[in-house]
Each structure stands twice: as structure tokens, then as C-alpha cells.
Amino acid sequence: MPEGKPAGVRCVQLTEDNLCALYDSPERPLVCTWLRPNEEMCGQTREEALAYLTALEIATKPDAAPGRRRV
């Protein structure tokens, strides 16, 4: 997604079974390589994980106010 992926929008590289189509590819974005999921991020349900990731995306948007860059 050359222009970035908005919060709440499914990545175009996810397969039907929610695996990354670019996982072993050199085209895989660095952010995906560097992101290390943990218990806090994943939560106990899909909804908890999506809420955390949405908050993370919003807090780290390039135009976010400096004081908002915390999750």
C-alpha cells in the first residue's frame, strides 16, 4: 500500500487465511519486519487486537501531535 494503510483497513497483502503474502519477499515493508507482536498487542480476542493496533496507528501517524505518540 504505497500511500500507507489507514487504521482499520485490512492490508491488501493478507491472504484469505490471514497470512502475509509478502512474508519471505524482499518487497515486505520494514515496518512489518520490525513489528514484534506481544501479549499486550494481541489481547485475548480479535477485537482487542484490532483496538490496540488502531490506537497504535493513530498515535504514530506522521501528522500526530508529539504528545500523542504514546500507546
C-alpha atoms as a PDB file:
ATOM      1  CA  MET A   1       0.000   0.000   0.000  1.00  0.00           C
ATOM      2  CA  PRO A   2       2.290   2.767  -1.310  1.00  0.00           C
ATOM      3  CA  GLU A   3       0.355   5.592   0.366  1.00  0.00           C
ATOM      4  CA  GLY A   4       0.230   3.756   3.693  1.00  0.00           C
ATOM      5  CA  LYS A   5      -2.524   1.741   5.320  1.00  0.00           C
ATOM      6  CA  PRO A   6      -5.167   3.623   7.276  1.00  0.00           C
ATOM      7  CA  ALA A   7      -6.155   2.299  10.692  1.00  0.00           C
ATOM      8  CA  GLY A   8      -8.912  -0.275  10.454  1.00  0.00           C
ATOM      9  CA  VAL A   9      -8.253  -1.079   6.787  1.00  0.00           C
ATOM     10  CA  ARG A  10      -7.275  -4.658   6.032  1.00  0.00           C
ATOM     11  CA  CYS A  11      -3.827  -4.968   4.477  1.00  0.00           C
ATOM     12  CA  VAL A  12      -4.072  -5.848   0.785  1.00  0.00           C
ATOM     13  CA  GLN A  13      -1.277  -8.386   1.277  1.00  0.00           C
ATOM     14  CA  LEU A  14      -3.236 -10.574   3.721  1.00  0.00           C
ATOM     15  CA  THR A  15      -4.344 -13.888   2.284  1.00  0.00           C
ATOM     16  CA  GLU A  16      -7.805 -15.356   2.950  1.00  0.00           C
ATOM     17  CA  ASP A  17      -6.364 -17.264   5.929  1.00  0.00           C
ATOM     18  CA  ASN A  18      -4.802 -14.031   7.315  1.00  0.00           C
ATOM     19  CA  LEU A  19      -1.217 -14.840   6.396  1.00  0.00           C
ATOM     20  CA  CYS A  20       1.154 -12.328   4.831  1.00  0.00           C
ATOM     21  CA  ALA A  21       1.539 -12.815   1.077  1.00  0.00           C
ATOM     22  CA  LEU A  22       4.888 -10.960   1.237  1.00  0.00           C
ATOM     23  CA  TYR A  23       6.326 -12.684   4.325  1.00  0.00           C
ATOM     24  CA  ASP A  24       9.509 -14.044   2.693  1.00  0.00           C
ATOM     25  CA  SER A  25       9.642 -11.409  -0.026  1.00  0.00           C
ATOM     26  CA  PRO A  26      12.116  -8.520  -0.295  1.00  0.00           C
ATOM     27  CA  GLU A  27       9.075  -6.308  -1.015  1.00  0.00           C
ATOM     28  CA  ARG A  28       7.796  -6.841   2.543  1.00  0.00           C
ATOM     29  CA  PRO A  29       7.694  -3.417   4.260  1.00  0.00           C
ATOM     30  CA  LEU A  30      10.257  -2.841   7.008  1.00  0.00           C
ATOM     31  CA  VAL A  31       7.525  -1.926   9.483  1.00  0.00           C
ATOM     32  CA  CYS A  32       6.126  -5.438   9.096  1.00  0.00           C
ATOM     33  CA  THR A  33       9.565  -6.967   9.626  1.00  0.00           C
ATOM     34  CA  TRP A  34      10.264  -4.843  12.721  1.00  0.00           C
ATOM     35  CA  LEU A  35       6.845  -5.230  14.347  1.00  0.00           C
ATOM     36  CA  ARG A  36       7.037  -7.833  17.101  1.00  0.00           C
ATOM     37  CA  PRO A  37       3.606  -8.818  18.402  1.00  0.00           C
ATOM     38  CA  ASN A  38       3.305  -9.321  22.144  1.00  0.00           C
ATOM     39  CA  GLU A  39       0.565 -10.279  24.584  1.00  0.00           C
ATOM     40  CA  GLU A  40      -0.484  -6.665  25.195  1.00  0.00           C
ATOM     41  CA  MET A  41      -0.832  -6.030  21.459  1.00  0.00           C
ATOM     42  CA  CYS A  42      -2.748  -9.227  20.698  1.00  0.00           C
ATOM     43  CA  GLY A  43      -5.120  -9.188  23.673  1.00  0.00           C
ATOM     44  CA  GLN A  44      -7.492 -12.068  24.279  1.00  0.00           C
ATOM     45  CA  THR A  45      -9.718 -11.530  21.231  1.00  0.00           C
ATOM     46  CA  ARG A  46      -9.507 -10.295  17.655  1.00  0.00           C
ATOM     47  CA  GLU A  47     -11.448  -7.190  18.711  1.00  0.00           C
ATOM     48  CA  GLU A  48      -8.903  -6.365  21.451  1.00  0.00           C
ATOM     49  CA  ALA A  49      -6.038  -6.797  18.982  1.00  0.00           C
ATOM     50  CA  LEU A  50      -7.698  -4.555  16.401  1.00  0.00           C
ATOM     51  CA  ALA A  51      -8.440  -1.881  19.010  1.00  0.00           C
ATOM     52  CA  TYR A  52      -4.785  -1.875  20.118  1.00  0.00           C
ATOM     53  CA  LEU A  53      -3.442  -1.751  16.555  1.00  0.00           C
ATOM     54  CA  THR A  54      -5.869   1.021  15.610  1.00  0.00           C
ATOM     55  CA  ALA A  55      -4.726   3.086  18.605  1.00  0.00           C
ATOM     56  CA  LEU A  56      -1.081   2.412  17.676  1.00  0.00           C
ATOM     57  CA  GLU A  57      -1.624   3.510  14.072  1.00  0.00           C
ATOM     58  CA  ILE A  58      -3.432   6.681  15.129  1.00  0.00           C
ATOM     59  CA  ALA A  59      -0.801   7.561  17.742  1.00  0.00           C
ATOM     60  CA  THR A  60       2.080   7.111  15.303  1.00  0.00           C
ATOM     61  CA  LYS A  61       0.650   8.870  12.260  1.00  0.00           C
ATOM     62  CA  PRO A  62       3.236  11.299  10.865  1.00  0.00           C
ATOM     63  CA  ASP A  63       0.908  14.247  11.479  1.00  0.00           C
ATOM     64  CA  ALA A  64       0.054  13.191  15.064  1.00  0.00           C
ATOM     65  CA  ALA A  65       0.847  15.770  17.723  1.00  0.00           C
ATOM     66  CA  PRO A  66       4.147  14.931  19.512  1.00  0.00           C
ATOM     67  CA  GLY A  67       2.356  14.394  22.846  1.00  0.00           C
ATOM     68  CA  ARG A  68       0.053  11.810  21.232  1.00  0.00           C
ATOM     69  CA  ARG A  69       2.784   9.440  20.110  1.00  0.00           C
ATOM     70  CA  ARG A  70       2.271   7.092  23.018  1.00  0.00           C
ATOM     71  CA  VAL A  71       0.222   3.933  23.264  1.00  0.00           C
END
